[in-house]
Protein backbone atom coordinates (compact mmCIF):
# COMPACT_ATOMS: atom_id res chain seq x y z
CA UNK A 1 15.90 -5.03 36.35
CA UNK A 2 15.08 -1.42 35.54
CA UNK A 3 15.72 -0.31 31.97
CA UNK A 4 17.07 3.08 30.98
CA UNK A 5 14.77 5.50 29.21
CA UNK A 6 16.71 5.10 25.92
CA UNK A 7 16.49 1.30 26.06
CA UNK A 8 12.77 1.46 26.83
CA UNK A 9 12.15 3.79 23.90
CA UNK A 10 14.18 1.62 21.51
CA UNK A 11 12.45 -1.56 22.68
CA UNK A 12 8.99 0.01 22.30
CA UNK A 13 9.86 1.13 18.77
CA UNK A 14 11.25 -2.31 17.92
CA UNK A 15 8.12 -4.05 19.19
CA UNK A 16 5.99 -1.72 17.07
CA UNK A 17 7.97 -2.73 13.98
CA UNK A 18 7.75 -6.43 14.91
CA UNK A 19 3.98 -6.07 15.29
CA UNK A 20 3.76 -4.24 11.96
CA UNK A 21 5.74 -7.00 10.25
CA UNK A 22 3.35 -9.64 11.62
CA UNK A 23 0.29 -7.50 10.88
CA UNK A 24 1.17 -6.95 7.22
CA UNK A 25 1.54 -10.72 6.73
CA UNK A 26 -1.86 -11.34 8.34
CA UNK A 27 -3.66 -8.40 6.76
CA UNK A 28 -4.53 -10.14 3.50
CA UNK A 29 -6.57 -12.87 5.22
CA UNK A 30 -9.52 -10.78 6.47
CA UNK A 31 -9.30 -8.55 3.38
CA UNK A 32 -9.81 -11.54 1.08
CA UNK A 33 -12.43 -13.35 3.15
CA UNK A 34 -14.52 -10.56 4.67
CA UNK A 35 -13.77 -7.64 2.35
CA UNK A 36 -11.45 -4.64 2.31
CA UNK A 37 -13.87 -2.42 4.22
CA UNK A 38 -14.42 -4.93 7.01
CA UNK A 39 -10.68 -5.47 7.38
CA UNK A 40 -9.98 -1.72 7.57
CA UNK A 41 -12.73 -1.07 10.12
CA UNK A 42 -11.95 -4.13 12.23
CA UNK A 43 -8.31 -3.17 12.35
CA UNK A 44 -9.22 -0.06 14.36
CA UNK A 45 -9.66 -2.34 17.38
CA UNK A 46 -5.90 -2.96 17.36
CA UNK A 47 -5.26 0.77 17.71
CA UNK A 48 -7.90 1.24 20.41
CA UNK A 49 -6.77 -1.73 22.52
CA UNK A 50 -3.08 -0.99 21.95
CA UNK A 51 -3.48 2.67 22.93
CA UNK A 52 -5.44 1.81 26.06
CA UNK A 53 -2.78 -0.65 27.26
CA UNK A 54 0.19 1.56 26.30
CA UNK A 55 -1.25 4.55 28.16
CA UNK A 56 -1.53 2.76 31.52
CA UNK A 57 1.83 4.13 32.65
CA UNK A 58 3.39 0.71 33.19
CA UNK A 59 6.49 0.03 31.07
CA UNK A 60 5.41 -3.52 30.27
CA UNK A 61 1.98 -2.23 29.37
CA UNK A 62 3.75 0.15 26.99
CA UNK A 63 5.57 -2.77 25.36
CA UNK A 64 2.41 -4.87 24.98
CA UNK A 65 0.39 -1.91 23.75
CA UNK A 66 2.98 -0.94 21.13
CA UNK A 67 3.13 -4.53 19.89
CA UNK A 68 -0.67 -4.63 19.45
CA UNK A 69 -0.69 -1.21 17.82
CA UNK A 70 2.11 -2.39 15.56
CA UNK A 71 -0.12 -5.17 14.28
CA UNK A 72 -2.67 -2.48 13.42
CA UNK A 73 0.00 -0.46 11.62
CA UNK A 74 0.94 -3.53 9.57
CA UNK A 75 -2.63 -4.25 8.50
CA UNK A 76 -3.19 -0.55 7.78
CA UNK A 77 -0.13 -0.49 5.53
CA UNK A 78 -1.56 -3.32 3.40
CA UNK A 79 -5.33 -3.03 3.09
CA UNK A 80 -6.12 0.70 2.56
CA UNK A 81 -3.84 1.06 -0.50
CA UNK A 82 -5.54 -1.98 -2.04
CA UNK A 83 -9.02 -0.62 -1.26
CA UNK A 84 -8.20 2.81 -2.68
CA UNK A 85 -6.70 1.40 -5.87
CA UNK A 86 -9.83 -0.71 -6.39
CA UNK A 87 -12.40 2.05 -5.89
CA UNK A 88 -10.53 4.51 -8.10
CA UNK A 89 -11.00 4.80 -11.84
CA UNK A 90 -8.15 3.96 -14.19
CA UNK A 91 -7.65 7.67 -14.78
CA UNK A 92 -7.41 8.62 -11.10
CA UNK A 93 -5.77 5.58 -9.52
CA UNK A 94 -2.31 7.13 -9.35
CA UNK A 95 -3.59 10.37 -7.85
CA UNK A 96 -5.79 8.72 -5.23
CA UNK A 97 -3.17 6.21 -4.11
CA UNK A 98 -0.55 8.95 -3.83
CA UNK A 99 -2.99 11.23 -2.01
CA UNK A 100 -3.27 8.50 0.61
CA UNK A 101 0.47 8.83 1.21
CA UNK A 102 0.17 12.62 1.38
CA UNK A 103 -2.43 12.35 4.12
CA UNK A 104 -0.18 9.92 6.00
CA UNK A 105 2.72 12.38 5.87
CA UNK A 106 0.41 15.10 7.19
CA UNK A 107 -0.65 12.82 10.03
CA UNK A 108 2.98 12.02 10.86
CA UNK A 109 3.87 15.71 10.85
CA UNK A 110 0.90 16.60 13.09
CA UNK A 111 1.62 13.75 15.50
CA UNK A 112 5.29 14.77 15.75
CA UNK A 113 4.49 18.37 16.61
CA UNK A 114 1.70 17.52 19.06
CA UNK A 115 3.77 14.76 20.61
CA UNK A 116 6.71 17.10 21.16
CA UNK A 117 4.47 19.66 22.84
CA UNK A 118 2.76 17.09 25.08
CA UNK A 119 5.95 15.34 26.16
CA UNK A 120 7.87 18.59 26.71
CA UNK A 121 5.29 20.73 28.47
CA UNK A 122 2.70 18.36 30.02
CA UNK A 123 3.25 16.16 33.04
CA UNK A 124 2.99 12.48 32.00
CA UNK A 125 2.44 13.81 28.51
CA UNK A 126 3.75 10.61 26.89
CA UNK A 127 0.74 8.74 28.29
CA UNK A 128 -1.64 11.22 26.69
CA UNK A 129 0.24 10.79 23.43
CA UNK A 130 -0.24 7.01 23.59
CA UNK A 131 -3.93 7.37 24.46
CA UNK A 132 -4.52 9.82 21.60
CA UNK A 133 -3.67 7.01 19.18
CA UNK A 134 -7.18 5.65 19.74
CA UNK A 135 -8.89 8.88 18.66
CA UNK A 136 -8.60 8.47 14.86
CA UNK A 137 -9.66 4.83 15.18
CA UNK A 138 -12.82 5.80 17.08
CA UNK A 139 -13.62 8.51 14.52
CA UNK A 140 -13.32 6.00 11.68
CA UNK A 141 -15.64 3.55 13.42
CA UNK A 142 -18.21 6.31 13.95
CA UNK A 143 -18.02 7.20 10.25
CA UNK A 144 -18.04 3.59 9.04
CA UNK A 145 -20.99 4.23 6.70
CA UNK A 146 -18.81 6.60 4.67
CA UNK A 147 -16.22 3.90 3.97
CA UNK A 148 -17.04 2.08 0.70
CA UNK A 149 -16.39 -1.55 -0.05
CA UNK A 150 -14.28 -2.45 -3.05
CA UNK A 151 -16.53 -3.06 -6.08
CA UNK A 152 -13.88 -5.42 -7.42
CA UNK A 153 -14.01 -7.52 -4.27
CA UNK A 154 -17.81 -7.62 -4.36
CA UNK A 155 -17.90 -8.73 -7.98
CA UNK A 156 -15.06 -11.18 -7.43
CA UNK A 157 -17.33 -12.96 -4.95
CA UNK A 158 -20.11 -12.86 -7.55
CA UNK A 159 -17.91 -14.42 -10.19
CA UNK A 160 -16.60 -17.03 -7.76
CA UNK A 161 -20.20 -17.93 -6.89
CA UNK A 162 -20.96 -18.32 -10.58
CA UNK A 163 -17.87 -20.44 -11.33
CA UNK A 164 -18.65 -22.72 -8.38
CA UNK A 165 -22.20 -23.15 -9.66
CA UNK A 166 -20.92 -23.88 -13.13
CA UNK A 167 -18.45 -26.49 -11.88
CA UNK A 168 -21.19 -28.24 -9.91
CA UNK A 169 -23.76 -28.06 -12.73
CA UNK A 170 -24.63 -31.35 -14.44
CA UNK A 171 -27.09 -32.73 -16.94
CA UNK A 172 -28.98 -34.44 -14.16
CA UNK A 173 -30.98 -31.28 -13.49
CA UNK A 174 -34.58 -31.45 -14.55
CA UNK A 175 -35.38 -29.58 -17.75
CA UNK A 176 -35.82 -25.89 -17.11
CA UNK A 177 -35.36 -26.40 -13.34
CA UNK A 178 -34.72 -23.22 -11.34
CA UNK A 179 -31.12 -24.32 -10.82
CA UNK A 180 -30.54 -24.78 -14.55
CA UNK A 181 -32.20 -21.48 -15.46
CA UNK A 182 -30.21 -19.72 -12.74
CA UNK A 183 -26.86 -21.01 -14.04
CA UNK A 184 -27.87 -20.30 -17.63
CA UNK A 185 -28.81 -16.71 -16.79
CA UNK A 186 -25.55 -16.11 -14.96
CA UNK A 187 -23.67 -17.55 -17.92
CA UNK A 188 -25.46 -15.15 -20.27
CA UNK A 189 -24.70 -12.17 -18.05
CA UNK A 190 -21.04 -13.04 -17.62
CA UNK A 191 -20.61 -13.66 -21.34
CA UNK A 192 -19.83 -17.40 -21.09
CA UNK A 193 -21.03 -18.38 -24.58
CA UNK A 194 -19.80 -22.00 -24.40
CA UNK A 195 -21.75 -22.63 -21.20
CA UNK A 196 -24.86 -20.96 -22.66
CA UNK A 197 -24.72 -23.16 -25.76
CA UNK A 198 -24.20 -26.29 -23.67
CA UNK A 199 -27.13 -25.66 -21.31
CA UNK A 200 -29.59 -24.48 -23.97
CA UNK A 201 -28.85 -27.40 -26.28
CA UNK A 202 -29.02 -29.94 -23.47
CA UNK A 203 -32.19 -28.60 -21.86
CA UNK A 204 -34.03 -27.20 -24.89
CA UNK A 205 -34.22 -23.66 -23.49
CA UNK A 206 -34.90 -20.57 -25.57
CA UNK A 207 -32.06 -18.28 -24.39
CA UNK A 208 -33.35 -15.29 -26.36
CA UNK A 209 -36.72 -15.36 -24.59
CA UNK A 210 -35.01 -15.76 -21.23
CA UNK A 211 -32.74 -12.82 -21.99
CA UNK A 212 -35.71 -10.60 -22.77
CA UNK A 213 -37.45 -11.55 -19.53
CA UNK A 214 -34.43 -10.90 -17.33
CA UNK A 215 -33.18 -7.61 -18.78
CA UNK A 216 -34.16 -4.10 -17.76
CA UNK A 217 -33.52 -0.85 -19.54
CA UNK A 218 -31.03 1.32 -17.64
CA UNK A 219 -30.77 5.08 -17.62
CA UNK A 220 -27.75 4.88 -19.89
CA UNK A 221 -29.63 3.17 -22.67
CA UNK A 222 -27.73 -0.09 -22.21
CA UNK A 223 -29.58 -3.31 -21.50
CA UNK A 224 -28.65 -4.17 -17.94
CA UNK A 225 -29.36 -7.73 -16.69
CA UNK A 226 -31.03 -7.91 -13.30
CA UNK A 227 -28.36 -9.91 -11.53
CA UNK A 228 -29.95 -9.41 -8.14
CA UNK A 229 -33.01 -11.35 -9.34
CA UNK A 230 -30.94 -14.50 -9.94
CA UNK A 231 -29.01 -14.72 -6.72
CA UNK A 232 -26.05 -12.48 -7.42
CA UNK A 233 -26.86 -10.28 -4.48
CA UNK A 234 -23.83 -8.01 -4.73
CA UNK A 235 -24.82 -6.56 -8.07
CA UNK A 236 -27.16 -3.82 -6.85
CA UNK A 237 -24.72 -2.93 -4.10
CA UNK A 238 -22.03 -2.39 -6.74
CA UNK A 239 -24.37 -0.23 -8.85
CA UNK A 240 -25.24 1.96 -5.85
CA UNK A 241 -21.59 2.13 -4.84
CA UNK A 242 -20.41 3.26 -8.26
CA UNK A 243 -23.17 5.87 -8.41
CA UNK A 244 -21.67 7.41 -5.25
CA UNK A 245 -18.03 7.05 -6.24
CA UNK A 246 -18.24 8.33 -9.80
CA UNK A 247 -19.06 11.95 -10.76
CA UNK A 248 -22.78 12.36 -11.37
CA UNK A 249 -22.26 13.88 -14.81
CA UNK A 250 -20.36 10.77 -15.93
CA UNK A 251 -22.75 8.16 -14.57
CA UNK A 252 -24.75 7.62 -17.75
CA UNK A 253 -21.56 7.05 -19.67
CA UNK A 254 -19.46 4.97 -17.30
CA UNK A 255 -21.22 2.81 -14.76
CA UNK A 256 -22.64 0.04 -16.96
CA UNK A 257 -19.45 -0.31 -18.95
CA UNK A 258 -17.36 -0.31 -15.79
CA UNK A 259 -19.47 -3.07 -14.28
CA UNK A 260 -19.08 -5.19 -17.41
CA UNK A 261 -15.32 -4.65 -17.29
CA UNK A 262 -15.16 -5.51 -13.58
CA UNK A 263 -17.28 -8.63 -14.15
CA UNK A 264 -15.01 -9.75 -16.97
CA UNK A 265 -11.93 -9.30 -14.77
CA UNK A 266 -13.59 -11.10 -11.89
CA UNK A 267 -14.55 -14.01 -14.13
CA UNK A 268 -10.96 -14.40 -15.31
CA UNK A 269 -9.75 -14.62 -11.73
CA UNK A 270 -12.54 -17.00 -10.69
CA UNK A 271 -11.78 -19.26 -13.63
CA UNK A 272 -8.31 -19.95 -12.28
CA UNK A 273 -9.38 -21.66 -9.07
CA UNK A 274 -12.42 -22.15 -6.89
CA UNK A 275 -10.21 -21.84 -3.81
CA UNK A 276 -8.80 -18.79 -2.08
CA UNK A 277 -5.61 -17.27 -3.54
CA UNK A 278 -2.46 -19.14 -2.54
CA UNK A 279 1.13 -18.09 -2.03
CA UNK A 280 2.07 -20.39 -4.91
CA UNK A 281 -0.05 -18.25 -7.23
CA UNK A 282 1.56 -15.09 -5.90
CA UNK A 283 5.11 -16.38 -6.43
CA UNK A 284 4.12 -17.66 -9.88
CA UNK A 285 3.89 -13.98 -10.87
CA UNK A 286 7.65 -13.88 -10.63
CA UNK A 287 8.34 -10.57 -12.33
CA UNK A 288 5.70 -8.73 -10.30
CA UNK A 289 7.02 -10.26 -7.07
CA UNK A 290 10.58 -9.17 -7.88
CA UNK A 291 9.40 -5.64 -8.64
CA UNK A 292 7.23 -5.30 -5.52
CA UNK A 293 9.76 -6.84 -3.13
CA UNK A 294 12.59 -4.88 -4.72
CA UNK A 295 10.83 -1.54 -4.38
CA UNK A 296 9.97 -2.17 -0.74
CA UNK A 297 13.51 -3.33 0.00
CA UNK A 298 15.08 -0.22 -1.52
CA UNK A 299 12.52 2.11 0.05
CA UNK A 300 13.74 0.99 3.48
CA UNK A 301 17.43 0.25 2.83
CA UNK A 302 18.17 3.67 1.30
CA UNK A 303 17.99 5.06 4.82
CA UNK A 304 14.94 7.28 5.00
CA UNK A 305 14.21 6.45 8.64
CA UNK A 306 17.80 7.12 9.67
CA UNK A 307 17.90 10.43 7.80
CA UNK A 308 14.68 11.49 9.50
CA UNK A 309 15.94 10.31 12.89
CA UNK A 310 19.23 12.24 12.69
CA UNK A 311 17.73 15.31 11.03
CA UNK A 312 17.48 17.07 14.42
CA UNK A 313 21.22 16.49 15.02
CA UNK A 314 22.04 17.91 11.61
CA UNK A 315 19.83 20.93 12.22
CA UNK A 316 21.70 21.50 15.47
CA UNK A 317 24.91 21.75 13.42
CA UNK A 318 23.30 24.65 11.57
CA UNK A 319 22.50 26.44 14.83
CA UNK A 320 18.90 25.32 15.38
CA UNK A 321 18.86 24.65 19.11
CA UNK A 322 15.23 23.48 19.24
CA UNK A 323 14.83 19.96 17.81
CA UNK A 324 11.19 20.65 16.99
CA UNK A 325 12.34 23.09 14.28
CA UNK A 326 14.10 20.33 12.38
CA UNK A 327 11.20 17.95 12.87
CA UNK A 328 8.69 20.55 11.68
CA UNK A 329 10.70 21.51 8.58
CA UNK A 330 11.30 17.91 7.51
CA UNK A 331 7.68 16.92 8.15
CA UNK A 332 6.27 19.92 6.32
CA UNK A 333 8.50 19.39 3.28
CA UNK A 334 7.60 15.69 3.20
CA UNK A 335 3.88 16.49 3.20
CA UNK A 336 3.99 19.33 0.66
CA UNK A 337 6.12 17.44 -1.87
CA UNK A 338 4.03 14.27 -1.53
CA UNK A 339 0.94 16.38 -2.09
CA UNK A 340 2.53 17.85 -5.21
CA UNK A 341 3.35 14.38 -6.52
CA UNK A 342 -0.37 13.53 -6.50
CA UNK A 343 -0.82 16.06 -9.31
CA UNK A 344 2.20 14.86 -11.28
CA UNK A 345 2.00 11.07 -11.13
CA UNK A 346 -0.84 10.67 -13.64
CA UNK A 347 0.62 13.37 -15.87
CA UNK A 348 4.26 12.28 -16.17
CA UNK A 349 3.96 8.61 -15.25
CA UNK A 350 5.21 6.44 -12.40
CA UNK A 351 8.75 5.61 -13.53
CA UNK A 352 9.74 9.21 -14.31
CA UNK A 353 8.88 10.38 -10.79
CA UNK A 354 10.37 7.26 -9.20
CA UNK A 355 13.77 7.50 -10.87
CA UNK A 356 13.96 11.30 -10.71
CA UNK A 357 13.24 11.31 -6.98
CA UNK A 358 15.81 8.58 -6.35
CA UNK A 359 18.51 10.51 -8.26
CA UNK A 360 17.77 13.48 -5.99
CA UNK A 361 18.17 11.21 -2.95
CA UNK A 362 21.54 9.99 -4.27
CA UNK A 363 22.87 13.50 -4.80
CA UNK A 364 21.71 14.62 -1.35
CA UNK A 365 23.22 11.59 0.43
CA UNK A 366 26.61 12.03 -1.26
CA UNK A 367 26.54 15.77 -0.49
CA UNK A 368 25.53 15.22 3.13
CA UNK A 369 28.21 12.58 3.74
CA UNK A 370 30.94 14.63 2.07
CA UNK A 371 30.07 17.75 4.06
CA UNK A 372 29.98 15.93 7.39
CA UNK A 373 33.41 14.37 6.72
CA UNK A 374 35.07 17.58 5.56
CA UNK A 375 37.31 19.48 7.95
CA UNK A 376 37.94 22.29 5.48
CA UNK A 377 34.45 23.77 5.68
CA UNK A 378 33.54 26.29 8.36
CA UNK A 379 31.14 24.79 10.92
CA UNK A 380 28.31 27.23 10.20
CA UNK A 381 28.59 26.64 6.43
CA UNK A 382 28.84 22.92 7.05
CA UNK A 383 25.63 23.00 9.06
CA UNK A 384 23.68 24.99 6.45
CA UNK A 385 24.80 22.72 3.57
CA UNK A 386 23.92 19.66 5.64
CA UNK A 387 20.45 21.02 6.34
CA UNK A 388 19.97 21.75 2.65
CA UNK A 389 21.04 18.16 1.83
CA UNK A 390 18.57 16.70 4.34
CA UNK A 391 15.71 18.77 2.94
CA UNK A 392 16.72 17.78 -0.60
CA UNK A 393 16.73 14.10 0.42
CA UNK A 394 13.20 14.45 1.79
CA UNK A 395 12.10 16.09 -1.48
CA UNK A 396 13.54 13.22 -3.51
CA UNK A 397 12.03 10.54 -1.27
CA UNK A 398 8.59 12.16 -1.27
CA UNK A 399 8.63 12.44 -5.08
CA UNK A 400 9.88 8.91 -5.67
CA UNK A 401 10.15 5.96 -3.32
CA UNK A 402 7.88 7.50 -0.72
CA UNK A 403 4.86 7.93 -2.98
CA UNK A 404 5.19 6.10 -6.29
CA UNK A 405 6.00 2.64 -4.89
CA UNK A 406 2.49 2.24 -3.53
CA UNK A 407 0.91 3.02 -6.88
CA UNK A 408 3.11 0.60 -8.80
CA UNK A 409 2.57 -2.22 -6.29
CA UNK A 410 -1.20 -1.86 -6.54
CA UNK A 411 -1.01 -2.06 -10.34
CA UNK A 412 1.33 -4.96 -11.08
CA UNK A 413 -0.79 -7.75 -9.53
CA UNK A 414 -4.19 -9.15 -10.60
CA UNK A 415 -7.11 -8.33 -8.31
CA UNK A 416 -7.32 -11.89 -7.04
CA UNK A 417 -3.76 -11.79 -5.66
CA UNK A 418 -3.41 -8.10 -4.82
CA UNK A 419 -3.95 -8.10 -1.05
CA UNK A 420 -1.84 -11.21 -0.50
CA UNK A 421 0.96 -9.81 -2.66
CA UNK A 422 0.85 -6.50 -0.79
CA UNK A 423 1.31 -8.44 2.45
CA UNK A 424 4.46 -9.99 1.04
CA UNK A 425 5.82 -6.68 -0.26
CA UNK A 426 5.21 -4.84 3.01
CA UNK A 427 6.74 -7.65 5.08
CA UNK A 428 10.02 -7.05 3.22
CA UNK A 429 9.81 -3.34 4.05
CA UNK A 430 9.12 -3.84 7.74
CA UNK A 431 11.82 -6.51 8.04
CA UNK A 432 14.37 -4.11 6.52
CA UNK A 433 13.26 -1.32 8.86
CA UNK A 434 13.71 -3.68 11.80
CA UNK A 435 17.20 -4.63 10.60
CA UNK A 436 18.22 -1.00 10.09
CA UNK A 437 16.86 -0.11 13.53
CA UNK A 438 19.05 -2.78 15.12
CA UNK A 439 22.22 -2.00 13.19
CA UNK A 440 22.31 1.78 12.63
CA UNK A 441 23.49 2.92 16.07
CA UNK A 442 26.07 0.12 16.24
CA UNK A 443 27.31 0.98 12.75
CA UNK A 444 27.63 4.68 13.60
CA UNK A 445 29.66 3.96 16.72
CA UNK A 446 31.85 1.42 14.91
CA UNK A 447 32.50 3.43 11.75
CA UNK A 448 33.00 6.66 13.69
CA UNK A 449 35.30 5.07 16.26
CA UNK A 450 33.21 6.16 19.25
CA UNK A 451 34.78 5.18 22.59
CA UNK A 452 33.57 5.54 26.15
CA UNK A 453 36.81 7.30 27.14
CA UNK A 454 36.09 10.25 24.80
CA UNK A 455 34.90 13.57 26.11
CA UNK A 456 31.67 15.09 24.79
CA UNK A 457 33.26 17.02 21.91
CA UNK A 458 35.32 14.04 20.76
CA UNK A 459 32.33 11.76 20.95
CA UNK A 460 30.21 14.24 19.01
CA UNK A 461 32.79 14.45 16.22
CA UNK A 462 33.15 10.68 16.13
CA UNK A 463 29.39 10.24 15.88
CA UNK A 464 29.27 12.79 13.08
CA UNK A 465 31.89 10.80 11.20
CA UNK A 466 29.93 7.60 11.81
CA UNK A 467 26.72 9.17 10.51
CA UNK A 468 28.55 10.33 7.38
CA UNK A 469 29.93 6.84 6.73
CA UNK A 470 26.50 5.27 7.20
CA UNK A 471 25.02 7.78 4.76
CA UNK A 472 27.67 6.80 2.21
CA UNK A 473 26.47 3.20 2.59
CA UNK A 474 22.90 4.37 2.03
CA UNK A 475 24.11 6.23 -1.07
CA UNK A 476 25.50 2.93 -2.38
CA UNK A 477 22.14 1.24 -1.89
CA UNK A 478 20.45 4.21 -3.57
CA UNK A 479 22.68 3.75 -6.63
CA UNK A 480 21.72 0.06 -6.67
CA UNK A 481 18.05 1.03 -6.50
CA UNK A 482 18.43 3.28 -9.56
CA UNK A 483 19.94 0.38 -11.51
CA UNK A 484 17.10 -1.88 -10.34
CA UNK A 485 14.44 0.64 -11.38
CA UNK A 486 16.05 1.18 -14.77
CA UNK A 487 16.37 -2.54 -15.55
CA UNK A 488 13.35 -4.15 -13.87
CA UNK A 489 10.62 -1.64 -13.09
CA UNK A 490 8.27 -0.92 -16.03
CA UNK A 491 6.15 2.14 -16.62
CA UNK A 492 2.72 0.97 -15.43
CA UNK A 493 0.81 4.02 -16.60
CA UNK A 494 -1.52 3.05 -19.45
CA UNK A 495 -0.76 -0.70 -19.22
CA UNK A 496 -2.89 -3.65 -18.17
CA UNK A 497 -1.83 -6.36 -15.75
CA UNK A 498 -1.63 -8.80 -18.68
CA UNK A 499 0.86 -6.58 -20.50
CA UNK A 500 2.98 -6.21 -17.38
CA UNK A 501 3.10 -9.98 -16.87
CA UNK A 502 3.74 -10.83 -20.54
CA UNK A 503 7.49 -11.26 -20.07
CA UNK A 504 6.83 -14.00 -17.53
CA UNK A 505 4.38 -15.90 -19.67
CA UNK A 506 5.81 -19.39 -19.27
CA UNK A 507 5.85 -19.24 -15.47
CA UNK A 508 2.73 -17.34 -14.55
CA UNK A 509 -0.75 -18.78 -14.19
CA UNK A 510 -2.32 -15.59 -15.48
CA UNK A 511 0.07 -15.34 -18.40
CA UNK A 512 -0.72 -18.92 -19.40
CA UNK A 513 -4.34 -17.90 -19.69
CA UNK A 514 -3.25 -15.01 -21.93
CA UNK A 515 -1.26 -17.28 -24.22
CA UNK A 516 -4.20 -19.70 -24.45
CA UNK A 517 -6.53 -16.87 -25.37
CA UNK A 518 -8.60 -17.25 -22.23
CA UNK A 519 -7.82 -13.77 -20.96
CA UNK A 520 -8.71 -10.81 -23.07
CA UNK A 521 -6.37 -7.86 -23.37
CA UNK A 522 -9.36 -5.62 -22.81
CA UNK A 523 -8.62 -5.50 -19.12
CA UNK A 524 -9.03 -1.86 -18.12
CA UNK A 525 -5.73 -0.14 -18.63
CA UNK A 526 -3.83 1.65 -15.92
CA UNK A 527 -3.63 5.35 -16.56
């Protein structure tokens, strides 16, 4: 049975969201096992294969291709924010993570404009649009050498290697055997004094002499142990990586201290379990899970996708006959305000931008709904006010929920659980987007009283009423989100993960370590 164009478009969009939902749940697995960089680069295959299948011109190929591409979108929504937050310094983490969102909004804006031009003016242009999806993926694969690996992930593997060696170490080793010396040296480097004392006393080893033999003098004047000489192969890779990532003028001051801090954090995580992170550990961080899931729920349920979708209709009310004008204005405002937020987030903090932006969204939604329902306002004035409200909504979203959520989510979870937790958070977001996609059109028709027997003008007015009612519902959810942010969401700027989890001490594995004194509060703070 042939499907109408509208049904085909809606089904393709739905399959993309379904694929994204599945992809975000799966994205943490390769990121944890093979590394953030490998997961990001490998994910490009989803976009290349999906684009090739979707561009064949067959409707079922379009469906399959969009589903595969959706998986890529899901993985891409999880892993890059984690990678960026882990290569950034404490001082720049907010800016870099938000800049990632700014670039995404620019890409969305560019794709919308190019897509409109291709579909409108080029024969079979929609196939070219689908095929073009593979272009950025191919470019990234060609430039794979420029993509860094997460130093935290590299050192987490180092610490896990050490903890596994320590757990398997016994007194049966021959005195001063290479295995014993290797474990002792790693213990010295990672600051495990109890293990050093145990091995040296049991095996009659002079730890001071060993320390002198295995240390080299770094450019910064700090004694740097040669980890690569004792089997911790990732150490030199981390040193080289940080030399590239950090400003050259700050290298002598920062790199050694940063490595020690990263090693200490990695050792804390490795001490918890020799196995891969589990969902039980994620859900044990109850407060962080509530915050992350709540932010992703409210980001979707406050109606941003619906406002963007109906922006062209609202611009038509104001006399803009070309839909591309509305799309271009909304996309440009979204990009510019998100770009501005990258300069403000580390200056004013996360919570200030988040709540301020959400208040702006609330005001714009109430204004937009009221204007669309009013019969006392002249149509041209009604259209202009509605356009202003839409633009204001985009400003608020870009300042708050659109940008800040990603920074907060990357900061509230320990490194060990970060990618798995992000998978959970994003799955909530995609599930809500899927639900809204299914229900919005039905809700508009039902609340507006749209009937098949209506003529075009009557149906248009009924749809306008339905849109206004739906936006009032979104305004209600926006008010709920403000209450949630005020009560539950902390200011993460300048705070460590341990401080953020302190209120959940009795239920969280990591907080138990804090209360037992096993985790130092010297974890690098989030600025």
